[in-house]
Amino acid sequence: MSQEPGEEISAQLKKCGLGLELNSDFEAFYVTNEKFVQSFGIDLVEYHQQCCLAEMARLQRDRQQSAPSIDPLEGQPSPANQLLTRFHRPAS
């Protein structure tokens, strides 16, 4: 789940070979979830959500690191622009 958090839980269980001997995906999820909770104290849905949030945070961090640096806006707006914007680049 931590490697591919966007994938459905049932597909991930099948990839791991969990619950293959059971009759349905629901039964496989139920049995695996019970064992997961006993082992880690968190259910599969919560863990899956945490993996998704962690992946989003990693993507956001990577995007911010690769974004070009933008000079901060500073100075006072001209009287004509004062009502249009709070930001103004200093006159060159």
N, C-alpha and C. Protein backbone atom coordinates (compact mmCIF):
# COMPACT_ATOMS: atom_id res chain seq x y z
N MET A 1 0.82 -1.20 0.00
CA MET A 1 0.00 0.00 0.00
C MET A 1 0.86 1.25 0.00
N SER A 2 1.96 1.21 0.70
CA SER A 2 2.78 2.42 0.76
C SER A 2 3.49 2.69 -0.56
N GLN A 3 3.69 1.67 -1.37
CA GLN A 3 4.35 1.86 -2.66
C GLN A 3 3.40 2.33 -3.75
N GLU A 4 2.15 1.87 -3.71
CA GLU A 4 1.15 2.26 -4.70
C GLU A 4 -0.16 2.60 -3.99
N PRO A 5 -0.20 3.73 -3.29
CA PRO A 5 -1.39 4.05 -2.50
C PRO A 5 -2.65 4.33 -3.30
N GLY A 6 -2.52 4.63 -4.58
CA GLY A 6 -3.69 4.91 -5.40
C GLY A 6 -4.45 3.67 -5.83
N GLU A 7 -3.86 2.51 -5.62
CA GLU A 7 -4.50 1.27 -6.05
C GLU A 7 -5.52 0.82 -5.01
N GLU A 8 -6.58 0.16 -5.48
CA GLU A 8 -7.62 -0.31 -4.57
C GLU A 8 -7.07 -1.36 -3.61
N ILE A 9 -7.64 -1.39 -2.41
CA ILE A 9 -7.19 -2.32 -1.39
C ILE A 9 -7.37 -3.76 -1.85
N SER A 10 -8.48 -4.09 -2.48
CA SER A 10 -8.71 -5.47 -2.91
C SER A 10 -7.65 -5.91 -3.92
N ALA A 11 -7.26 -5.02 -4.82
CA ALA A 11 -6.21 -5.36 -5.79
C ALA A 11 -4.87 -5.56 -5.10
N GLN A 12 -4.61 -4.76 -4.08
CA GLN A 12 -3.36 -4.90 -3.34
C GLN A 12 -3.32 -6.20 -2.55
N LEU A 13 -4.46 -6.59 -1.99
CA LEU A 13 -4.51 -7.86 -1.27
C LEU A 13 -4.22 -9.03 -2.21
N LYS A 14 -4.78 -8.97 -3.41
CA LYS A 14 -4.55 -10.04 -4.39
C LYS A 14 -3.09 -10.09 -4.80
N LYS A 15 -2.47 -8.92 -5.00
CA LYS A 15 -1.05 -8.87 -5.37
C LYS A 15 -0.18 -9.54 -4.31
N CYS A 16 -0.56 -9.35 -3.05
CA CYS A 16 0.22 -9.92 -1.94
C CYS A 16 -0.12 -11.39 -1.70
N GLY A 17 -1.16 -11.86 -2.37
CA GLY A 17 -1.56 -13.25 -2.18
C GLY A 17 -2.39 -13.47 -0.93
N LEU A 18 -2.93 -12.41 -0.37
CA LEU A 18 -3.74 -12.52 0.85
C LEU A 18 -5.19 -12.82 0.49
N GLY A 19 -5.76 -13.79 1.14
CA GLY A 19 -7.16 -14.11 0.97
C GLY A 19 -7.49 -14.86 -0.31
N LEU A 20 -6.50 -15.39 -1.00
CA LEU A 20 -6.79 -16.08 -2.25
C LEU A 20 -7.63 -17.34 -2.04
N GLU A 21 -7.50 -17.94 -0.86
CA GLU A 21 -8.24 -19.17 -0.59
C GLU A 21 -9.68 -18.89 -0.18
N LEU A 22 -10.03 -17.65 0.02
CA LEU A 22 -11.39 -17.29 0.45
C LEU A 22 -12.30 -17.10 -0.76
N ASN A 23 -13.59 -17.14 -0.49
CA ASN A 23 -14.59 -17.13 -1.58
C ASN A 23 -14.79 -15.76 -2.23
N SER A 24 -14.68 -14.69 -1.46
CA SER A 24 -15.00 -13.37 -2.02
C SER A 24 -13.97 -12.33 -1.60
N ASP A 25 -13.96 -11.22 -2.34
CA ASP A 25 -13.08 -10.11 -1.98
C ASP A 25 -13.44 -9.56 -0.60
N PHE A 26 -14.74 -9.52 -0.31
CA PHE A 26 -15.19 -9.01 0.99
C PHE A 26 -14.65 -9.88 2.12
N GLU A 27 -14.76 -11.18 1.95
CA GLU A 27 -14.28 -12.11 2.98
C GLU A 27 -12.75 -11.98 3.13
N ALA A 28 -12.06 -11.87 2.00
CA ALA A 28 -10.60 -11.71 2.03
C ALA A 28 -10.23 -10.42 2.77
N PHE A 29 -10.95 -9.33 2.48
CA PHE A 29 -10.68 -8.06 3.17
C PHE A 29 -10.94 -8.20 4.66
N TYR A 30 -12.07 -8.80 5.03
CA TYR A 30 -12.45 -8.92 6.43
C TYR A 30 -11.39 -9.70 7.22
N VAL A 31 -10.99 -10.85 6.72
CA VAL A 31 -10.02 -11.69 7.42
C VAL A 31 -8.67 -10.98 7.51
N THR A 32 -8.22 -10.40 6.40
CA THR A 32 -6.94 -9.71 6.38
C THR A 32 -6.97 -8.48 7.28
N ASN A 33 -8.08 -7.76 7.26
CA ASN A 33 -8.21 -6.57 8.10
C ASN A 33 -8.12 -6.94 9.58
N GLU A 34 -8.79 -8.00 9.98
CA GLU A 34 -8.73 -8.44 11.39
C GLU A 34 -7.29 -8.75 11.80
N LYS A 35 -6.55 -9.46 10.95
CA LYS A 35 -5.16 -9.78 11.25
C LYS A 35 -4.29 -8.53 11.28
N PHE A 36 -4.56 -7.60 10.37
CA PHE A 36 -3.81 -6.35 10.29
C PHE A 36 -4.01 -5.52 11.56
N VAL A 37 -5.26 -5.43 12.02
CA VAL A 37 -5.56 -4.68 13.25
C VAL A 37 -4.86 -5.33 14.44
N GLN A 38 -4.90 -6.65 14.53
CA GLN A 38 -4.25 -7.34 15.63
C GLN A 38 -2.74 -7.10 15.61
N SER A 39 -2.16 -7.05 14.43
CA SER A 39 -0.71 -6.88 14.32
C SER A 39 -0.24 -5.43 14.48
N PHE A 40 -0.99 -4.49 13.90
CA PHE A 40 -0.50 -3.12 13.83
C PHE A 40 -1.38 -2.09 14.56
N GLY A 41 -2.56 -2.49 15.02
CA GLY A 41 -3.42 -1.57 15.75
C GLY A 41 -4.12 -0.54 14.89
N ILE A 42 -4.14 -0.74 13.60
CA ILE A 42 -4.81 0.18 12.66
C ILE A 42 -5.44 -0.68 11.57
N ASP A 43 -6.61 -0.28 11.10
CA ASP A 43 -7.24 -1.10 10.06
C ASP A 43 -6.71 -0.73 8.68
N LEU A 44 -7.01 -1.57 7.71
CA LEU A 44 -6.48 -1.39 6.36
C LEU A 44 -6.94 -0.10 5.71
N VAL A 45 -8.17 0.30 5.95
CA VAL A 45 -8.69 1.54 5.35
C VAL A 45 -7.93 2.74 5.90
N GLU A 46 -7.75 2.79 7.22
CA GLU A 46 -6.98 3.89 7.82
C GLU A 46 -5.55 3.91 7.30
N TYR A 47 -4.93 2.74 7.24
CA TYR A 47 -3.55 2.65 6.76
C TYR A 47 -3.48 3.10 5.30
N HIS A 48 -4.43 2.69 4.49
CA HIS A 48 -4.48 3.09 3.09
C HIS A 48 -4.62 4.60 2.97
N GLN A 49 -5.47 5.20 3.80
CA GLN A 49 -5.64 6.66 3.78
C GLN A 49 -4.34 7.37 4.17
N GLN A 50 -3.65 6.84 5.19
CA GLN A 50 -2.38 7.44 5.61
C GLN A 50 -1.34 7.34 4.51
N CYS A 51 -1.32 6.22 3.80
CA CYS A 51 -0.39 6.06 2.68
C CYS A 51 -0.70 7.06 1.57
N CYS A 52 -1.98 7.29 1.29
CA CYS A 52 -2.38 8.28 0.28
C CYS A 52 -1.96 9.68 0.69
N LEU A 53 -2.18 10.04 1.95
CA LEU A 53 -1.79 11.36 2.44
C LEU A 53 -0.28 11.55 2.38
N ALA A 54 0.47 10.51 2.75
CA ALA A 54 1.93 10.59 2.69
C ALA A 54 2.41 10.76 1.25
N GLU A 55 1.78 10.06 0.32
CA GLU A 55 2.16 10.19 -1.09
C GLU A 55 1.85 11.59 -1.60
N MET A 56 0.71 12.15 -1.23
CA MET A 56 0.37 13.52 -1.65
C MET A 56 1.38 14.51 -1.09
N ALA A 57 1.78 14.33 0.17
CA ALA A 57 2.76 15.22 0.79
C ALA A 57 4.11 15.12 0.07
N ARG A 58 4.52 13.89 -0.30
CA ARG A 58 5.78 13.72 -1.04
C ARG A 58 5.71 14.40 -2.40
N LEU A 59 4.60 14.24 -3.10
CA LEU A 59 4.46 14.87 -4.41
C LEU A 59 4.47 16.39 -4.30
N GLN A 60 3.80 16.91 -3.29
CA GLN A 60 3.76 18.35 -3.08
C GLN A 60 5.16 18.87 -2.75
N ARG A 61 5.89 18.17 -1.90
CA ARG A 61 7.25 18.57 -1.53
C ARG A 61 8.15 18.56 -2.76
N ASP A 62 8.05 17.51 -3.56
CA ASP A 62 8.88 17.41 -4.76
C ASP A 62 8.55 18.53 -5.75
N ARG A 63 7.28 18.84 -5.87
CA ARG A 63 6.86 19.91 -6.79
C ARG A 63 7.37 21.26 -6.32
N GLN A 64 7.34 21.49 -5.01
CA GLN A 64 7.82 22.77 -4.47
C GLN A 64 9.33 22.89 -4.64
N GLN A 65 10.05 21.79 -4.48
CA GLN A 65 11.50 21.83 -4.62
C GLN A 65 11.92 22.06 -6.06
N SER A 66 11.14 21.60 -7.01
CA SER A 66 11.50 21.75 -8.42
C SER A 66 10.95 23.04 -9.03
N ALA A 67 10.09 23.73 -8.30
CA ALA A 67 9.50 24.98 -8.83
C ALA A 67 10.57 26.08 -8.84
N PRO A 68 10.56 26.90 -9.86
CA PRO A 68 11.53 28.00 -9.89
C PRO A 68 11.25 28.99 -8.76
N SER A 69 12.30 29.52 -8.23
CA SER A 69 12.17 30.49 -7.15
C SER A 69 11.62 31.80 -7.71
N ILE A 70 10.65 32.35 -7.04
CA ILE A 70 10.02 33.60 -7.46
C ILE A 70 10.38 34.67 -6.44
N ASP A 71 10.84 35.82 -6.95
CA ASP A 71 11.18 36.91 -6.04
C ASP A 71 9.93 37.34 -5.30
N PRO A 72 10.08 37.61 -4.00
CA PRO A 72 8.90 38.07 -3.26
C PRO A 72 8.45 39.44 -3.75
N LEU A 73 7.19 39.64 -3.72
CA LEU A 73 6.64 40.93 -4.11
C LEU A 73 6.81 41.90 -2.95
N GLU A 74 7.19 43.12 -3.27
CA GLU A 74 7.43 44.08 -2.20
C GLU A 74 7.12 45.48 -2.71
N GLY A 75 7.17 46.43 -1.80
CA GLY A 75 6.92 47.82 -2.16
C GLY A 75 5.47 48.20 -1.97
N GLN A 76 5.17 49.42 -2.34
CA GLN A 76 3.81 49.95 -2.20
C GLN A 76 3.15 50.01 -3.57
N PRO A 77 1.86 49.72 -3.66
CA PRO A 77 1.18 49.83 -4.96
C PRO A 77 1.03 51.30 -5.35
N SER A 78 1.01 51.53 -6.64
CA SER A 78 0.76 52.89 -7.12
C SER A 78 -0.68 53.26 -6.75
N PRO A 79 -0.96 54.54 -6.65
CA PRO A 79 -2.34 54.92 -6.31
C PRO A 79 -3.37 54.33 -7.27
N ALA A 80 -3.03 54.20 -8.56
CA ALA A 80 -3.97 53.65 -9.54
C ALA A 80 -4.24 52.17 -9.26
N ASN A 81 -3.23 51.45 -8.76
CA ASN A 81 -3.39 50.02 -8.52
C ASN A 81 -3.75 49.67 -7.08
N GLN A 82 -3.81 50.67 -6.24
CA GLN A 82 -4.01 50.40 -4.81
C GLN A 82 -5.27 49.60 -4.54
N LEU A 83 -6.32 49.85 -5.28
CA LEU A 83 -7.57 49.13 -5.05
C LEU A 83 -7.60 47.79 -5.79
N LEU A 84 -6.68 47.59 -6.74
CA LEU A 84 -6.69 46.37 -7.54
C LEU A 84 -5.90 45.23 -6.89
N THR A 85 -4.82 45.56 -6.19
CA THR A 85 -3.97 44.51 -5.66
C THR A 85 -3.26 44.94 -4.39
N ARG A 86 -2.91 43.94 -3.57
CA ARG A 86 -2.14 44.23 -2.36
C ARG A 86 -0.65 44.18 -2.64
N PHE A 87 -0.25 43.67 -3.80
CA PHE A 87 1.15 43.41 -4.08
C PHE A 87 1.63 44.28 -5.23
N HIS A 88 2.91 44.61 -5.15
CA HIS A 88 3.47 45.48 -6.17
C HIS A 88 4.95 45.19 -6.26
N ARG A 89 5.46 45.06 -7.47
CA ARG A 89 6.90 44.92 -7.65
C ARG A 89 7.51 46.32 -7.62
N PRO A 90 8.69 46.45 -7.00
CA PRO A 90 9.29 47.78 -6.95
C PRO A 90 9.66 48.27 -8.36
N ALA A 91 9.59 49.55 -8.55
CA ALA A 91 9.93 50.14 -9.85
C ALA A 91 11.41 49.94 -10.11
N SER A 92 11.76 49.59 -11.34
CA SER A 92 13.18 49.36 -11.70
C SER A 92 13.84 50.64 -12.10
